[in-house]
Every structure is written in C-alpha cells, then in structure tokens.
Amino acid sequence: QVQLVESGGGLVQPGGSLRLSCVVSGSIISFNSMGWYRQTPGKDRELVARISKGGNTNYADSVKGRFTISRDNPENTVILTMNSLKPEDTAVYYCNAQSFVSNIWGQGTQVTVSS
C-alpha cells in the first residue's frame, strides 16, 4: 500500500519561509497528479497547489507568487516551497496523490506562522 509521508512543518515568523516535503513510498509517476492541501479547525480542506505528471501546476489565488510546488521523480518526492508566509497560512498541510484508481492522503504536518 502506497503511503505519503510529509515533513518540514513548524513555527515561522511572518515573512519567513518553509519547505514541505512529501515522500511517496511507491513510484510517484504512477499518479496523475500530486498536490498540497491545507485545513484549519472548523473549515474544509482547501487546495494549495497541484502538479500534474507532465509538470503543469495550479495554485490557490491566496498563495500565487509566494508558494511553488515541484516534483522530484527519481526521489519520489513532492516539495512545496513557501515564501513570504502570512499568519493566515497557518494550517495543517496535507500531501495528496491521485490516480485513476486511488486518492491517497498523508498524515499532515502543522505550519504555524506567528511572531
């Protein structure tokens, strides 16, 4: 069974940067797209960024120009680079992998932006 393991969350001051990594236990190329979502208490999980197998990306309007999603196929890793972080970026961030037959989630990693 494929598993996604996130890392890289933590506490950062406003304006700071963090780099989240998601390691896929299987082959990343078996998934049509990989993405990062986030969720805060009482709210639905929302898309942050996605990247297709071909490298096409899309971002939530709230993170455009600040966040970058990338994938390292040989390392089976998806990375979310977050710059110019704001307090409203505080959330649990989840890695997601989608194929025609599966939709897999990681366990989440907490990101807190606070002074």
PDB file of N, CA and C in Angstrom:
ATOM      1  N   GLN A   1       0.848  -1.182   0.000  1.00  0.00           N
ATOM      2  CA  GLN A   1       0.000   0.000   0.000  1.00  0.00           C
ATOM      3  C   GLN A   1       0.888   1.238   0.000  1.00  0.00           C
ATOM      4  N   VAL A   2       0.572   2.157  -0.915  1.00  0.00           N
ATOM      5  CA  VAL A   2       1.363   3.378  -1.017  1.00  0.00           C
ATOM      6  C   VAL A   2       1.074   4.291   0.162  1.00  0.00           C
ATOM      7  N   GLN A   3       2.117   4.882   0.695  1.00  0.00           N
ATOM      8  CA  GLN A   3       1.967   5.849   1.780  1.00  0.00           C
ATOM      9  C   GLN A   3       2.659   7.150   1.422  1.00  0.00           C
ATOM     10  N   LEU A   4       2.118   8.245   1.948  1.00  0.00           N
ATOM     11  CA  LEU A   4       2.701   9.566   1.777  1.00  0.00           C
ATOM     12  C   LEU A   4       3.168  10.048   3.144  1.00  0.00           C
ATOM     13  N   VAL A   5       4.396  10.507   3.226  1.00  0.00           N
ATOM     14  CA  VAL A   5       4.940  10.977   4.497  1.00  0.00           C
ATOM     15  C   VAL A   5       5.413  12.406   4.322  1.00  0.00           C
ATOM     16  N   GLU A   6       4.756  13.326   5.030  1.00  0.00           N
ATOM     17  CA  GLU A   6       5.113  14.745   4.960  1.00  0.00           C
ATOM     18  C   GLU A   6       6.125  15.102   6.039  1.00  0.00           C
ATOM     19  N   SER A   7       6.902  16.124   5.763  1.00  0.00           N
ATOM     20  CA  SER A   7       7.825  16.683   6.746  1.00  0.00           C
ATOM     21  C   SER A   7       8.104  18.132   6.386  1.00  0.00           C
ATOM     22  N   GLY A   8       8.678  18.852   7.347  1.00  0.00           N
ATOM     23  CA  GLY A   8       9.102  20.220   7.073  1.00  0.00           C
ATOM     24  C   GLY A   8       8.252  21.296   7.709  1.00  0.00           C
ATOM     25  N   GLY A   9       7.163  20.926   8.366  1.00  0.00           N
ATOM     26  CA  GLY A   9       6.341  21.932   9.020  1.00  0.00           C
ATOM     27  C   GLY A   9       7.029  22.483  10.251  1.00  0.00           C
ATOM     28  N   GLY A  10       6.411  23.506  10.842  1.00  0.00           N
ATOM     29  CA  GLY A  10       6.968  24.086  12.044  1.00  0.00           C
ATOM     30  C   GLY A  10       6.456  25.484  12.280  1.00  0.00           C
ATOM     31  N   LEU A  11       7.137  26.185  13.176  1.00  0.00           N
ATOM     32  CA  LEU A  11       6.787  27.558  13.539  1.00  0.00           C
ATOM     33  C   LEU A  11       7.730  28.516  12.825  1.00  0.00           C
ATOM     34  N   VAL A  12       7.152  29.520  12.184  1.00  0.00           N
ATOM     35  CA  VAL A  12       7.955  30.506  11.467  1.00  0.00           C
ATOM     36  C   VAL A  12       7.328  31.884  11.660  1.00  0.00           C
ATOM     37  N   GLN A  13       8.150  32.902  11.635  1.00  0.00           N
ATOM     38  CA  GLN A  13       7.655  34.267  11.775  1.00  0.00           C
ATOM     39  C   GLN A  13       7.045  34.756  10.458  1.00  0.00           C
ATOM     40  N   PRO A  14       6.119  35.689  10.525  1.00  0.00           N
ATOM     41  CA  PRO A  14       5.584  36.275   9.286  1.00  0.00           C
ATOM     42  C   PRO A  14       6.701  36.796   8.396  1.00  0.00           C
ATOM     43  N   GLY A  15       6.566  36.514   7.106  1.00  0.00           N
ATOM     44  CA  GLY A  15       7.597  36.887   6.150  1.00  0.00           C
ATOM     45  C   GLY A  15       8.646  35.828   5.942  1.00  0.00           C
ATOM     46  N   GLY A  16       8.619  34.801   6.752  1.00  0.00           N
ATOM     47  CA  GLY A  16       9.598  33.732   6.660  1.00  0.00           C
ATOM     48  C   GLY A  16       9.261  32.697   5.615  1.00  0.00           C
ATOM     49  N   SER A  17      10.068  31.646   5.572  1.00  0.00           N
ATOM     50  CA  SER A  17       9.925  30.592   4.573  1.00  0.00           C
ATOM     51  C   SER A  17       9.973  29.218   5.216  1.00  0.00           C
ATOM     52  N   LEU A  18       9.293  28.288   4.561  1.00  0.00           N
ATOM     53  CA  LEU A  18       9.352  26.879   4.942  1.00  0.00           C
ATOM     54  C   LEU A  18       9.339  26.035   3.680  1.00  0.00           C
ATOM     55  N   ARG A  19       9.868  24.836   3.807  1.00  0.00           N
ATOM     56  CA  ARG A  19       9.887  23.891   2.683  1.00  0.00           C
ATOM     57  C   ARG A  19       9.292  22.575   3.160  1.00  0.00           C
ATOM     58  N   LEU A  20       8.128  22.227   2.593  1.00  0.00           N
ATOM     59  CA  LEU A  20       7.472  20.970   2.944  1.00  0.00           C
ATOM     60  C   LEU A  20       7.845  19.899   1.924  1.00  0.00           C
ATOM     61  N   SER A  21       8.098  18.695   2.420  1.00  0.00           N
ATOM     62  CA  SER A  21       8.402  17.570   1.541  1.00  0.00           C
ATOM     63  C   SER A  21       7.390  16.457   1.751  1.00  0.00           C
ATOM     64  N   CYS A  22       7.082  15.772   0.675  1.00  0.00           N
ATOM     65  CA  CYS A  22       6.178  14.621   0.728  1.00  0.00           C
ATOM     66  C   CYS A  22       6.866  13.479  -0.011  1.00  0.00           C
ATOM     67  N   VAL A  23       7.203  12.448   0.726  1.00  0.00           N
ATOM     68  CA  VAL A  23       7.854  11.292   0.127  1.00  0.00           C
ATOM     69  C   VAL A  23       6.819  10.203  -0.106  1.00  0.00           C
ATOM     70  N   VAL A  24       6.772   9.703  -1.326  1.00  0.00           N
ATOM     71  CA  VAL A  24       5.842   8.642  -1.710  1.00  0.00           C
ATOM     72  C   VAL A  24       6.549   7.298  -1.595  1.00  0.00           C
ATOM     73  N   SER A  25       5.913   6.349  -0.907  1.00  0.00           N
ATOM     74  CA  SER A  25       6.568   5.063  -0.694  1.00  0.00           C
ATOM     75  C   SER A  25       6.644   4.250  -1.983  1.00  0.00           C
ATOM     76  N   GLY A  26       5.739   4.544  -2.923  1.00  0.00           N
ATOM     77  CA  GLY A  26       5.799   3.874  -4.216  1.00  0.00           C
ATOM     78  C   GLY A  26       6.370   4.793  -5.276  1.00  0.00           C
ATOM     79  N   SER A  27       6.034   4.524  -6.525  1.00  0.00           N
ATOM     80  CA  SER A  27       6.533   5.346  -7.623  1.00  0.00           C
ATOM     81  C   SER A  27       5.620   6.539  -7.848  1.00  0.00           C
ATOM     82  N   ILE A  28       6.211   7.722  -7.832  1.00  0.00           N
ATOM     83  CA  ILE A  28       5.423   8.939  -7.987  1.00  0.00           C
ATOM     84  C   ILE A  28       4.827   9.047  -9.385  1.00  0.00           C
ATOM     85  N   ILE A  29       5.477   8.421 -10.368  1.00  0.00           N
ATOM     86  CA  ILE A  29       4.992   8.557 -11.732  1.00  0.00           C
ATOM     87  C   ILE A  29       3.724   7.744 -11.980  1.00  0.00           C
ATOM     88  N   SER A  30       3.328   6.929 -11.017  1.00  0.00           N
ATOM     89  CA  SER A  30       2.081   6.176 -11.157  1.00  0.00           C
ATOM     90  C   SER A  30       0.860   7.049 -10.871  1.00  0.00           C
ATOM     91  N   PHE A  31       1.084   8.257 -10.385  1.00  0.00           N
ATOM     92  CA  PHE A  31      -0.016   9.159 -10.053  1.00  0.00           C
ATOM     93  C   PHE A  31      -0.144  10.254 -11.112  1.00  0.00           C
ATOM     94  N   ASN A  32      -1.386  10.564 -11.479  1.00  0.00           N
ATOM     95  CA  ASN A  32      -1.638  11.598 -12.468  1.00  0.00           C
ATOM     96  C   ASN A  32      -1.293  12.980 -11.938  1.00  0.00           C
ATOM     97  N   SER A  33      -1.546  13.184 -10.657  1.00  0.00           N
ATOM     98  CA  SER A  33      -1.208  14.478 -10.082  1.00  0.00           C
ATOM     99  C   SER A  33      -0.903  14.332  -8.603  1.00  0.00           C
ATOM    100  N   MET A  34      -0.101  15.251  -8.127  1.00  0.00           N
ATOM    101  CA  MET A  34       0.249  15.345  -6.719  1.00  0.00           C
ATOM    102  C   MET A  34      -0.115  16.750  -6.248  1.00  0.00           C
ATOM    103  N   GLY A  35      -0.496  16.853  -4.979  1.00  0.00           N
ATOM    104  CA  GLY A  35      -0.885  18.176  -4.516  1.00  0.00           C
ATOM    105  C   GLY A  35      -0.686  18.370  -3.039  1.00  0.00           C
ATOM    106  N   TRP A  36      -0.816  19.614  -2.649  1.00  0.00           N
ATOM    107  CA  TRP A  36      -0.811  20.002  -1.247  1.00  0.00           C
ATOM    108  C   TRP A  36      -2.129  20.708  -0.939  1.00  0.00           C
ATOM    109  N   TYR A  37      -2.727  20.317   0.159  1.00  0.00           N
ATOM    110  CA  TYR A  37      -3.937  20.936   0.655  1.00  0.00           C
ATOM    111  C   TYR A  37      -3.672  21.401   2.080  1.00  0.00           C
ATOM    112  N   ARG A  38      -4.549  22.250   2.590  1.00  0.00           N
ATOM    113  CA  ARG A  38      -4.425  22.679   3.980  1.00  0.00           C
ATOM    114  C   ARG A  38      -5.790  22.800   4.626  1.00  0.00           C
ATOM    115  N   GLN A  39      -5.790  22.698   5.941  1.00  0.00           N
ATOM    116  CA  GLN A  39      -7.055  22.736   6.687  1.00  0.00           C
ATOM    117  C   GLN A  39      -6.836  23.394   8.033  1.00  0.00           C
ATOM    118  N   THR A  40      -7.780  24.259   8.405  1.00  0.00           N
ATOM    119  CA  THR A  40      -7.800  24.859   9.729  1.00  0.00           C
ATOM    120  C   THR A  40      -9.064  24.393  10.443  1.00  0.00           C
ATOM    121  N   PRO A  41      -9.073  24.464  11.773  1.00  0.00           N
ATOM    122  CA  PRO A  41     -10.222  23.963  12.538  1.00  0.00           C
ATOM    123  C   PRO A  41     -11.536  24.607  12.100  1.00  0.00           C
ATOM    124  N   GLY A  42     -12.525  23.784  11.875  1.00  0.00           N
ATOM    125  CA  GLY A  42     -13.840  24.279  11.510  1.00  0.00           C
ATOM    126  C   GLY A  42     -14.014  24.619  10.047  1.00  0.00           C
ATOM    127  N   LYS A  43     -12.970  24.433   9.252  1.00  0.00           N
ATOM    128  CA  LYS A  43     -13.055  24.762   7.829  1.00  0.00           C
ATOM    129  C   LYS A  43     -12.774  23.523   6.989  1.00  0.00           C
ATOM    130  N   ASP A  44     -13.252  23.572   5.741  1.00  0.00           N
ATOM    131  CA  ASP A  44     -12.982  22.479   4.821  1.00  0.00           C
ATOM    132  C   ASP A  44     -11.519  22.497   4.381  1.00  0.00           C
ATOM    133  N   ARG A  45     -11.065  21.327   3.999  1.00  0.00           N
ATOM    134  CA  ARG A  45      -9.723  21.238   3.441  1.00  0.00           C
ATOM    135  C   ARG A  45      -9.712  21.938   2.087  1.00  0.00           C
ATOM    136  N   GLU A  46      -8.687  22.749   1.834  1.00  0.00           N
ATOM    137  CA  GLU A  46      -8.635  23.515   0.589  1.00  0.00           C
ATOM    138  C   GLU A  46      -7.352  23.245  -0.171  1.00  0.00           C
ATOM    139  N   LEU A  47      -7.476  23.345  -1.487  1.00  0.00           N
ATOM    140  CA  LEU A  47      -6.306  23.163  -2.342  1.00  0.00           C
ATOM    141  C   LEU A  47      -5.336  24.311  -2.164  1.00  0.00           C
ATOM    142  N   VAL A  48      -4.061  23.969  -2.040  1.00  0.00           N
ATOM    143  CA  VAL A  48      -2.989  24.968  -2.037  1.00  0.00           C
ATOM    144  C   VAL A  48      -2.306  24.980  -3.402  1.00  0.00           C
ATOM    145  N   ALA A  49      -1.865  23.799  -3.848  1.00  0.00           N
ATOM    146  CA  ALA A  49      -1.171  23.706  -5.136  1.00  0.00           C
ATOM    147  C   ALA A  49      -1.215  22.268  -5.629  1.00  0.00           C
ATOM    148  N   ARG A  50      -1.207  22.105  -6.957  1.00  0.00           N
ATOM    149  CA  ARG A  50      -1.161  20.780  -7.566  1.00  0.00           C
ATOM    150  C   ARG A  50      -0.155  20.800  -8.706  1.00  0.00           C
ATOM    151  N   ILE A  51       0.388  19.624  -8.986  1.00  0.00           N
ATOM    152  CA  ILE A  51       1.293  19.468 -10.114  1.00  0.00           C
ATOM    153  C   ILE A  51       0.964  18.161 -10.815  1.00  0.00           C
ATOM    154  N   SER A  52       0.839  18.234 -12.133  1.00  0.00           N
ATOM    155  CA  SER A  52       0.483  17.044 -12.897  1.00  0.00           C
ATOM    156  C   SER A  52       1.718  16.217 -13.211  1.00  0.00           C
ATOM    157  N   LYS A  53       1.470  15.032 -13.751  1.00  0.00           N
ATOM    158  CA  LYS A  53       2.582  14.169 -14.147  1.00  0.00           C
ATOM    159  C   LYS A  53       3.459  14.878 -15.172  1.00  0.00           C
ATOM    160  N   GLY A  54       2.834  15.705 -16.004  1.00  0.00           N
ATOM    161  CA  GLY A  54       3.594  16.430 -17.021  1.00  0.00           C
ATOM    162  C   GLY A  54       4.235  17.704 -16.537  1.00  0.00           C
ATOM    163  N   GLY A  55       3.990  18.054 -15.278  1.00  0.00           N
ATOM    164  CA  GLY A  55       4.627  19.236 -14.714  1.00  0.00           C
ATOM    165  C   GLY A  55       3.776  20.487 -14.711  1.00  0.00           C
ATOM    166  N   ASN A  56       2.540  20.390 -15.191  1.00  0.00           N
ATOM    167  CA  ASN A  56       1.652  21.553 -15.127  1.00  0.00           C
ATOM    168  C   ASN A  56       1.231  21.800 -13.689  1.00  0.00           C
ATOM    169  N   THR A  57       1.167  23.077 -13.332  1.00  0.00           N
ATOM    170  CA  THR A  57       0.851  23.438 -11.954  1.00  0.00           C
ATOM    171  C   THR A  57      -0.358  24.351 -11.878  1.00  0.00           C
ATOM    172  N   ASN A  58      -1.037  24.310 -10.759  1.00  0.00           N
ATOM    173  CA  ASN A  58      -2.057  25.309 -10.456  1.00  0.00           C
ATOM    174  C   ASN A  58      -2.035  25.591  -8.965  1.00  0.00           C
ATOM    175  N   TYR A  59      -2.371  26.829  -8.633  1.00  0.00           N
ATOM    176  CA  TYR A  59      -2.261  27.327  -7.264  1.00  0.00           C
ATOM    177  C   TYR A  59      -3.541  28.019  -6.827  1.00  0.00           C
ATOM    178  N   ALA A  60      -3.783  27.985  -5.527  1.00  0.00           N
ATOM    179  CA  ALA A  60      -4.836  28.822  -4.963  1.00  0.00           C
ATOM    180  C   ALA A  60      -4.431  30.283  -5.138  1.00  0.00           C
ATOM    181  N   ASP A  61      -5.427  31.128  -5.378  1.00  0.00           N
ATOM    182  CA  ASP A  61      -5.118  32.552  -5.579  1.00  0.00           C
ATOM    183  C   ASP A  61      -4.368  33.144  -4.388  1.00  0.00           C
ATOM    184  N   SER A  62      -4.677  32.655  -3.205  1.00  0.00           N
ATOM    185  CA  SER A  62      -4.090  33.225  -1.988  1.00  0.00           C
ATOM    186  C   SER A  62      -2.586  32.954  -1.854  1.00  0.00           C
ATOM    187  N   VAL A  63      -2.060  31.990  -2.630  1.00  0.00           N
ATOM    188  CA  VAL A  63      -0.638  31.646  -2.489  1.00  0.00           C
ATOM    189  C   VAL A  63       0.157  31.919  -3.759  1.00  0.00           C
ATOM    190  N   LYS A  64      -0.503  32.340  -4.827  1.00  0.00           N
ATOM    191  CA  LYS A  64       0.195  32.613  -6.083  1.00  0.00           C
ATOM    192  C   LYS A  64       1.282  33.647  -5.870  1.00  0.00           C
ATOM    193  N   GLY A  65       2.452  33.358  -6.428  1.00  0.00           N
ATOM    194  CA  GLY A  65       3.582  34.262  -6.307  1.00  0.00           C
ATOM    195  C   GLY A  65       4.393  34.067  -5.034  1.00  0.00           C
ATOM    196  N   ARG A  66       3.871  33.281  -4.109  1.00  0.00           N
ATOM    197  CA  ARG A  66       4.586  33.044  -2.842  1.00  0.00           C
ATOM    198  C   ARG A  66       4.991  31.581  -2.672  1.00  0.00           C
ATOM    199  N   PHE A  67       4.155  30.673  -3.155  1.00  0.00           N
ATOM    200  CA  PHE A  67       4.406  29.237  -2.999  1.00  0.00           C
ATOM    201  C   PHE A  67       4.770  28.634  -4.345  1.00  0.00           C
ATOM    202  N   THR A  68       5.612  27.605  -4.308  1.00  0.00           N
ATOM    203  CA  THR A  68       5.992  26.881  -5.515  1.00  0.00           C
ATOM    204  C   THR A  68       5.942  25.385  -5.229  1.00  0.00           C
ATOM    205  N   ILE A  69       5.261  24.652  -6.111  1.00  0.00           N
ATOM    206  CA  ILE A  69       5.222  23.202  -5.995  1.00  0.00           C
ATOM    207  C   ILE A  69       6.134  22.602  -7.051  1.00  0.00           C
ATOM    208  N   SER A  70       6.859  21.560  -6.668  1.00  0.00           N
ATOM    209  CA  SER A  70       7.750  20.897  -7.614  1.00  0.00           C
ATOM    210  C   SER A  70       7.779  19.407  -7.280  1.00  0.00           C
ATOM    211  N   ARG A  71       8.251  18.622  -8.234  1.00  0.00           N
ATOM    212  CA  ARG A  71       8.326  17.183  -8.002  1.00  0.00           C
ATOM    213  C   ARG A  71       9.683  16.665  -8.450  1.00  0.00           C
ATOM    214  N   ASP A  72      10.209  15.727  -7.689  1.00  0.00           N
ATOM    215  CA  ASP A  72      11.475  15.077  -7.994  1.00  0.00           C
ATOM    216  C   ASP A  72      11.144  13.610  -8.229  1.00  0.00           C
ATOM    217  N   ASN A  73      10.948  13.268  -9.494  1.00  0.00           N
ATOM    218  CA  ASN A  73      10.501  11.912  -9.810  1.00  0.00           C
ATOM    219  C   ASN A  73      11.472  10.828  -9.353  1.00  0.00           C
ATOM    220  N   PRO A  74      12.777  10.967  -9.579  1.00  0.00           N
ATOM    221  CA  PRO A  74      13.686   9.900  -9.119  1.00  0.00           C
ATOM    222  C   PRO A  74      13.652   9.698  -7.611  1.00  0.00           C
ATOM    223  N   GLU A  75      13.365  10.759  -6.873  1.00  0.00           N
ATOM    224  CA  GLU A  75      13.317  10.658  -5.410  1.00  0.00           C
ATOM    225  C   GLU A  75      11.897  10.425  -4.891  1.00  0.00           C
ATOM    226  N   ASN A  76      10.922  10.330  -5.820  1.00  0.00           N
ATOM    227  CA  ASN A  76       9.524  10.114  -5.431  1.00  0.00           C
ATOM    228  C   ASN A  76       9.075  11.124  -4.379  1.00  0.00           C
ATOM    229  N   THR A  77       9.382  12.390  -4.643  1.00  0.00           N
ATOM    230  CA  THR A  77       9.136  13.443  -3.661  1.00  0.00           C
ATOM    231  C   THR A  77       8.442  14.630  -4.323  1.00  0.00           C
ATOM    232  N   VAL A  78       7.492  15.202  -3.592  1.00  0.00           N
ATOM    233  CA  VAL A  78       6.847  16.449  -3.989  1.00  0.00           C
ATOM    234  C   VAL A  78       7.190  17.499  -2.930  1.00  0.00           C
ATOM    235  N   ILE A  79       7.560  18.683  -3.392  1.00  0.00           N
ATOM    236  CA  ILE A  79       8.021  19.726  -2.486  1.00  0.00           C
ATOM    237  C   ILE A  79       7.136  20.951  -2.631  1.00  0.00           C
ATOM    238  N   LEU A  80       6.824  21.556  -1.509  1.00  0.00           N
ATOM    239  CA  LEU A  80       6.116  22.837  -1.511  1.00  0.00           C
ATOM    240  C   LEU A  80       7.024  23.856  -0.838  1.00  0.00           C
ATOM    241  N   THR A  81       7.499  24.807  -1.618  1.00  0.00           N
ATOM    242  CA  THR A  81       8.341  25.880  -1.100  1.00  0.00           C
ATOM    243  C   THR A  81       7.458  27.074  -0.817  1.00  0.00           C
ATOM    244  N   MET A  82       7.459  27.510   0.429  1.00  0.00           N
ATOM    245  CA  MET A  82       6.557  28.579   0.861  1.00  0.00           C
ATOM    246  C   MET A  82       7.389  29.785   1.302  1.00  0.00           C
ATOM    247  N   ASN A  83       7.209  30.901   0.627  1.00  0.00           N
ATOM    248  CA  ASN A  83       7.899  32.142   0.957  1.00  0.00           C
ATOM    249  C   ASN A  83       6.891  33.208   1.378  1.00  0.00           C
ATOM    250  N   SER A  84       7.405  34.251   2.010  1.00  0.00           N
ATOM    251  CA  SER A  84       6.565  35.383   2.437  1.00  0.00           C
ATOM    252  C   SER A  84       5.333  34.892   3.190  1.00  0.00           C
ATOM    253  N   LEU A  85       5.558  34.027   4.140  1.00  0.00           N
ATOM    254  CA  LEU A  85       4.448  33.419   4.863  1.00  0.00           C
ATOM    255  C   LEU A  85       3.688  34.448   5.688  1.00  0.00           C
ATOM    256  N   LYS A  86       2.376  34.221   5.766  1.00  0.00           N
ATOM    257  CA  LYS A  86       1.478  35.112   6.498  1.00  0.00           C
ATOM    258  C   LYS A  86       0.785  34.320   7.606  1.00  0.00           C
ATOM    259  N   PRO A  87       0.304  35.005   8.631  1.00  0.00           N
ATOM    260  CA  PRO A  87      -0.417  34.285   9.693  1.00  0.00           C
ATOM    261  C   PRO A  87      -1.586  33.460   9.157  1.00  0.00           C
ATOM    262  N   GLU A  88      -2.225  33.931   8.105  1.00  0.00           N
ATOM    263  CA  GLU A  88      -3.366  33.189   7.546  1.00  0.00           C
ATOM    264  C   GLU A  88      -2.949  31.924   6.806  1.00  0.00           C
ATOM    265  N   ASP A  89      -1.663  31.698   6.651  1.00  0.00           N
ATOM    266  CA  ASP A  89      -1.185  30.438   6.085  1.00  0.00           C
ATOM    267  C   ASP A  89      -1.111  29.333   7.137  1.00  0.00           C
ATOM    268  N   THR A  90      -1.345  29.698   8.395  1.00  0.00           N
ATOM    269  CA  THR A  90      -1.324  28.712   9.472  1.00  0.00           C
ATOM    270  C   THR A  90      -2.390  27.657   9.240  1.00  0.00           C
ATOM    271  N   ALA A  91      -1.970  26.396   9.244  1.00  0.00           N
ATOM    272  CA  ALA A  91      -2.886  25.282   8.965  1.00  0.00           C
ATOM    273  C   ALA A  91      -2.119  23.979   9.074  1.00  0.00           C
ATOM    274  N   VAL A  92      -2.868  22.881   9.029  1.00  0.00           N
ATOM    275  CA  VAL A  92      -2.256  21.573   8.808  1.00  0.00           C
ATOM    276  C   VAL A  92      -2.198  21.349   7.302  1.00  0.00           C
ATOM    277  N   TYR A  93      -1.043  21.038   6.798  1.00  0.00           N
ATOM    278  CA  TYR A  93      -0.837  20.846   5.367  1.00  0.00           C
ATOM    279  C   TYR A  93      -0.763  19.341   5.067  1.00  0.00           C
ATOM    280  N   TYR A  94      -1.537  18.933   4.058  1.00  0.00           N
ATOM    281  CA  TYR A  94      -1.637  17.531   3.688  1.00  0.00           C
ATOM    282  C   TYR A  94      -1.146  17.322   2.262  1.00  0.00           C
ATOM    283  N   CYS A  95      -0.394  16.275   2.078  1.00  0.00           N
ATOM    284  CA  CYS A  95       0.022  15.849   0.751  1.00  0.00           C
ATOM    285  C   CYS A  95      -1.055  14.920   0.184  1.00  0.00           C
ATOM    286  N   ASN A  96      -1.266  14.996  -1.129  1.00  0.00           N
ATOM    287  CA  ASN A  96      -2.285  14.186  -1.790  1.00  0.00           C
ATOM    288  C   ASN A  96      -1.743  13.629  -3.097  1.00  0.00           C
ATOM    289  N   ALA A  97      -2.117  12.393  -3.374  1.00  0.00           N
ATOM    290  CA  ALA A  97      -1.725  11.744  -4.626  1.00  0.00           C
ATOM    291  C   ALA A  97      -2.961  11.151  -5.275  1.00  0.00           C
ATOM    292  N   GLN A  98      -3.159  11.452  -6.551  1.00  0.00           N
ATOM    293  CA  GLN A  98      -4.346  10.978  -7.261  1.00  0.00           C
ATOM    294  C   GLN A  98      -3.962  10.210  -8.519  1.00  0.00           C
ATOM    295  N   SER A  99      -4.665   9.089  -8.720  1.00  0.00           N
ATOM    296  CA  SER A  99      -4.577   8.367  -9.976  1.00  0.00           C
ATOM    297  C   SER A  99      -6.006   8.033 -10.393  1.00  0.00           C
ATOM    298  N   PHE A 100      -6.153   7.267 -11.461  1.00  0.00           N
ATOM    299  CA  PHE A 100      -7.498   6.895 -11.898  1.00  0.00           C
ATOM    300  C   PHE A 100      -8.191   5.987 -10.885  1.00  0.00           C
ATOM    301  N   VAL A 101      -7.408   5.309 -10.061  1.00  0.00           N
ATOM    302  CA  VAL A 101      -7.992   4.318  -9.148  1.00  0.00           C
ATOM    303  C   VAL A 101      -7.735   4.615  -7.684  1.00  0.00           C
ATOM    304  N   SER A 102      -7.059   5.700  -7.376  1.00  0.00           N
ATOM    305  CA  SER A 102      -6.753   5.951  -5.976  1.00  0.00           C
ATOM    306  C   SER A 102      -6.686   7.446  -5.674  1.00  0.00           C
ATOM    307  N   ASN A 103      -6.912   7.748  -4.417  1.00  0.00           N
ATOM    308  CA  ASN A 103      -6.825   9.117  -3.908  1.00  0.00           C
ATOM    309  C   ASN A 103      -6.265   8.994  -2.492  1.00  0.00           C
ATOM    310  N   ILE A 104      -4.978   9.283  -2.342  1.00  0.00           N
ATOM    311  CA  ILE A 104      -4.260   8.973  -1.108  1.00  0.00           C
ATOM    312  C   ILE A 104      -3.837  10.255  -0.411  1.00  0.00           C
ATOM    313  N   TRP A 105      -3.943  10.231   0.938  1.00  0.00           N
ATOM    314  CA  TRP A 105      -3.574  11.388   1.757  1.00  0.00           C
ATOM    315  C   TRP A 105      -2.461  11.023   2.722  1.00  0.00           C
ATOM    316  N   GLY A 106      -1.637  12.010   3.008  1.00  0.00           N
ATOM    317  CA  GLY A 106      -0.660  11.870   4.064  1.00  0.00           C
ATOM    318  C   GLY A 106      -1.285  12.201   5.402  1.00  0.00           C
ATOM    319  N   GLN A 107      -0.463  12.149   6.456  1.00  0.00           N
ATOM    320  CA  GLN A 107      -0.986  12.352   7.807  1.00  0.00           C
ATOM    321  C   GLN A 107      -1.053  13.827   8.191  1.00  0.00           C
ATOM    322  N   GLY A 108      -0.407  14.678   7.414  1.00  0.00           N
ATOM    323  CA  GLY A 108      -0.442  16.114   7.670  1.00  0.00           C
ATOM    324  C   GLY A 108       0.749  16.596   8.473  1.00  0.00           C
ATOM    325  N   THR A 109       1.098  17.854   8.238  1.00  0.00           N
ATOM    326  CA  THR A 109       2.166  18.499   9.000  1.00  0.00           C
ATOM    327  C   THR A 109       1.722  19.924   9.339  1.00  0.00           C
ATOM    328  N   GLN A 110       1.937  20.305  10.581  1.00  0.00           N
ATOM    329  CA  GLN A 110       1.454  21.610  11.059  1.00  0.00           C
ATOM    330  C   GLN A 110       2.404  22.719  10.633  1.00  0.00           C
ATOM    331  N   VAL A 111       1.830  23.774  10.096  1.00  0.00           N
ATOM    332  CA  VAL A 111       2.564  25.005   9.798  1.00  0.00           C
ATOM    333  C   VAL A 111       1.924  26.132  10.597  1.00  0.00           C
ATOM    334  N   THR A 112       2.735  26.808  11.396  1.00  0.00           N
ATOM    335  CA  THR A 112       2.253  27.916  12.207  1.00  0.00           C
ATOM    336  C   THR A 112       3.083  29.149  11.892  1.00  0.00           C
ATOM    337  N   VAL A 113       2.393  30.205  11.483  1.00  0.00           N
ATOM    338  CA  VAL A 113       3.055  31.467  11.165  1.00  0.00           C
ATOM    339  C   VAL A 113       2.646  32.478  12.228  1.00  0.00           C
ATOM    340  N   SER A 114       3.600  32.832  13.072  1.00  0.00           N
ATOM    341  CA  SER A 114       3.291  33.710  14.196  1.00  0.00           C
ATOM    342  C   SER A 114       4.551  34.394  14.689  1.00  0.00           C
ATOM    343  N   SER A 115       4.371  35.608  15.191  1.00  0.00           N
ATOM    344  CA  SER A 115       5.508  36.311  15.785  1.00  0.00           C
ATOM    345  C   SER A 115       5.556  36.079  17.284  1.00  0.00           C
TER     346      SER A 115
END
